[in-house]
Protein backbone atom coordinates (compact mmCIF):
# COMPACT_ATOMS: atom_id res chain seq x y z
CA UNK A 1 -0.09 0.24 0.17
CA UNK A 2 1.09 3.40 -0.54
CA UNK A 3 -0.55 6.66 0.55
CA UNK A 4 0.23 10.36 0.82
CA UNK A 5 -1.33 10.53 4.40
CA UNK A 6 -5.13 8.22 4.76
CA UNK A 7 -6.44 5.76 3.81
CA UNK A 8 -9.71 4.20 4.25
CA UNK A 9 -11.04 0.66 3.49
CA UNK A 10 -14.88 0.43 3.90
CA UNK A 11 -16.25 -3.27 4.28
CA UNK A 12 -19.81 -4.79 4.87
CA UNK A 13 -20.28 -7.18 7.64
CA UNK A 14 -23.67 -9.29 6.15
CA UNK A 15 -25.24 -11.66 8.71
CA UNK A 16 -28.81 -13.83 8.27
CA UNK A 17 -30.33 -11.11 10.51
CA UNK A 18 -28.11 -7.49 8.51
CA UNK A 19 -25.38 -6.16 7.21
CA UNK A 20 -22.88 -3.76 9.21
CA UNK A 21 -21.48 -1.32 7.61
CA UNK A 22 -17.13 -0.74 8.82
CA UNK A 23 -14.52 1.11 7.80
CA UNK A 24 -10.63 0.63 8.52
CA UNK A 25 -8.89 3.87 8.86
CA UNK A 26 -5.23 4.61 8.51
CA UNK A 27 -3.52 7.64 8.66
CA UNK A 28 0.47 8.36 8.73
CA UNK A 29 1.26 10.77 10.77
CA UNK A 30 3.92 13.13 10.33
CA UNK A 31 4.63 14.56 13.80
CA UNK A 32 5.94 18.30 13.71
CA UNK A 33 8.47 20.10 15.59
CA UNK A 34 6.43 22.24 17.75
CA UNK A 35 8.95 25.31 17.77
CA UNK A 36 9.49 25.67 14.15
CA UNK A 37 6.98 23.67 12.62
CA UNK A 38 9.28 20.98 10.84
CA UNK A 39 8.61 17.29 10.37
CA UNK A 40 10.56 15.67 12.85
CA UNK A 41 12.21 11.66 12.03
CA UNK A 42 9.71 9.96 13.62
CA UNK A 43 6.36 9.34 12.07
CA UNK A 44 3.60 6.82 12.91
CA UNK A 45 0.78 4.90 11.10
CA UNK A 46 -2.09 4.51 13.00
CA UNK A 47 -4.77 1.86 12.64
CA UNK A 48 -8.46 2.73 13.68
CA UNK A 49 -11.48 0.22 13.02
CA UNK A 50 -14.65 2.35 12.49
CA UNK A 51 -18.40 1.24 12.78
CA UNK A 52 -21.57 3.10 11.52
CA UNK A 53 -24.20 1.41 13.57
CA UNK A 54 -25.13 1.71 17.48
CA UNK A 55 -22.69 -0.33 19.37
CA UNK A 56 -25.88 -2.33 20.96
CA UNK A 57 -26.13 -4.11 17.33
CA UNK A 58 -23.06 -6.20 17.99
CA UNK A 59 -20.77 -7.29 21.08
CA UNK A 60 -17.10 -7.62 19.61
CA UNK A 61 -14.60 -9.96 20.53
CA UNK A 62 -11.40 -10.47 19.68
CA UNK A 63 -9.99 -8.07 16.72
CA UNK A 64 -6.38 -9.13 15.30
CA UNK A 65 -5.01 -7.24 12.44
CA UNK A 66 -2.28 -8.66 10.61
CA UNK A 67 0.48 -6.59 8.41
CA UNK A 68 2.69 -8.49 5.22
CA UNK A 69 5.69 -6.49 4.59
CA UNK A 70 8.50 -7.90 1.68
CA UNK A 71 8.25 -11.63 1.71
CA UNK A 72 9.34 -12.92 5.20
CA UNK A 73 7.78 -9.66 7.41
CA UNK A 74 4.75 -9.50 9.20
CA UNK A 75 3.00 -8.50 12.60
CA UNK A 76 -0.18 -9.58 14.02
CA UNK A 77 -1.86 -6.88 16.21
CA UNK A 78 -4.41 -6.89 18.27
CA UNK A 79 -7.14 -3.67 17.36
CA UNK A 80 -8.46 -3.26 21.14
CA UNK A 81 -11.75 -1.16 20.33
CA UNK A 82 -14.41 -0.44 17.31
CA UNK A 83 -15.38 2.97 17.94
CA UNK A 84 -18.06 5.18 16.42
CA UNK A 85 -18.08 7.11 13.01
CA UNK A 86 -18.57 10.20 15.20
CA UNK A 87 -15.54 10.09 16.89
CA UNK A 88 -12.63 12.55 15.95
CA UNK A 89 -9.25 10.22 14.65
CA UNK A 90 -7.26 13.99 15.50
CA UNK A 91 -8.82 13.91 19.42
CA UNK A 92 -8.08 10.38 20.08
CA UNK A 93 -4.61 10.71 18.61
CA UNK A 94 -4.15 13.76 20.93
CA UNK A 95 -5.36 11.63 24.28
CA UNK A 96 -2.66 9.92 27.06
CA UNK A 97 -0.91 7.16 25.80
CA UNK A 98 -2.51 4.95 28.25
CA UNK A 99 -6.17 6.13 26.89
CA UNK A 100 -5.11 6.79 23.24
CA UNK A 101 -3.99 2.93 23.62
CA UNK A 102 -7.47 1.57 24.74
CA UNK A 103 -8.66 2.85 21.23
CA UNK A 104 -6.05 2.71 18.28
CA UNK A 105 -3.32 1.38 17.66
CA UNK A 106 -0.39 3.20 16.63
CA UNK A 107 3.12 1.97 14.74
CA UNK A 108 6.43 3.27 14.32
CA UNK A 109 7.12 3.75 10.24
CA UNK A 110 10.87 2.52 11.22
CA UNK A 111 10.06 -0.35 12.64
CA UNK A 112 8.00 -0.97 8.84
CA UNK A 113 10.78 0.52 7.52
CA UNK A 114 13.31 -2.31 9.22
CA UNK A 115 10.83 -5.22 8.25
CA UNK A 116 10.61 -3.90 4.29
CA UNK A 117 14.31 -3.60 4.78
CA UNK A 118 15.26 -7.55 5.36
CA UNK A 119 17.71 -9.65 3.15
CA UNK A 120 15.05 -10.94 0.75
CA UNK A 121 13.65 -7.45 -0.12
CA UNK A 122 17.51 -6.05 -0.51
CA UNK A 123 17.56 -6.52 -4.72
CA UNK A 124 14.12 -3.55 -4.27
CA UNK A 125 14.93 0.06 -4.08
CA UNK A 126 15.69 0.89 0.27
CA UNK A 127 12.93 3.08 1.76
CA UNK A 128 14.86 6.59 2.32
CA UNK A 129 13.86 7.41 5.78
CA UNK A 130 11.95 10.32 4.78
CA UNK A 131 9.67 8.74 2.44
CA UNK A 132 6.89 6.96 3.85
CA UNK A 133 4.40 7.11 0.77
CA UNK A 134 6.84 3.86 -0.58
CA UNK A 135 5.35 1.26 2.13
CA UNK A 136 4.06 -1.57 0.58
CA UNK A 137 1.72 -3.90 3.02
CA UNK A 138 -0.83 -6.33 3.04
CA UNK A 139 -3.70 -5.86 5.42
CA UNK A 140 -6.05 -8.24 7.10
CA UNK A 141 -8.34 -8.23 9.79
CA UNK A 142 -10.20 -11.17 11.32
CA UNK A 143 -13.22 -9.87 13.34
CA UNK A 144 -14.94 -12.45 16.18
CA UNK A 145 -18.28 -10.60 16.54
CA UNK A 146 -21.33 -12.04 18.23
CA UNK A 147 -25.00 -10.07 16.97
CA UNK A 148 -27.11 -9.01 20.14
């Protein structure tokens, strides 16, 4: 996946009772130096899972996000919560660390860049430290839930 700032993956969960619309919101965060407004060295990528229905309709269990980079590197992350479509992701990212970790997943871009630079992918052009738009990854979600 290559992106400049935001990517949205809309999908529908369909059961015998109803269809439920959701979205995986992926944001590239480019932190800025508070004094000069310059972009600093350590950007991150945030993953937020959104729902477009009342939280009482589905009870969510474990939600797993799989990221695959290159031919051998990957990671499995647990999405901590499904947030309402009305929640502002900017406000979520400004929360204290403990509270933020209860809602979203943030991965440092430097970690993803190191995973892309595995020996098996060394034939590909390396990603420059300031070029986050060339990140390529495969994403999959496993969502365990029950209807109420």
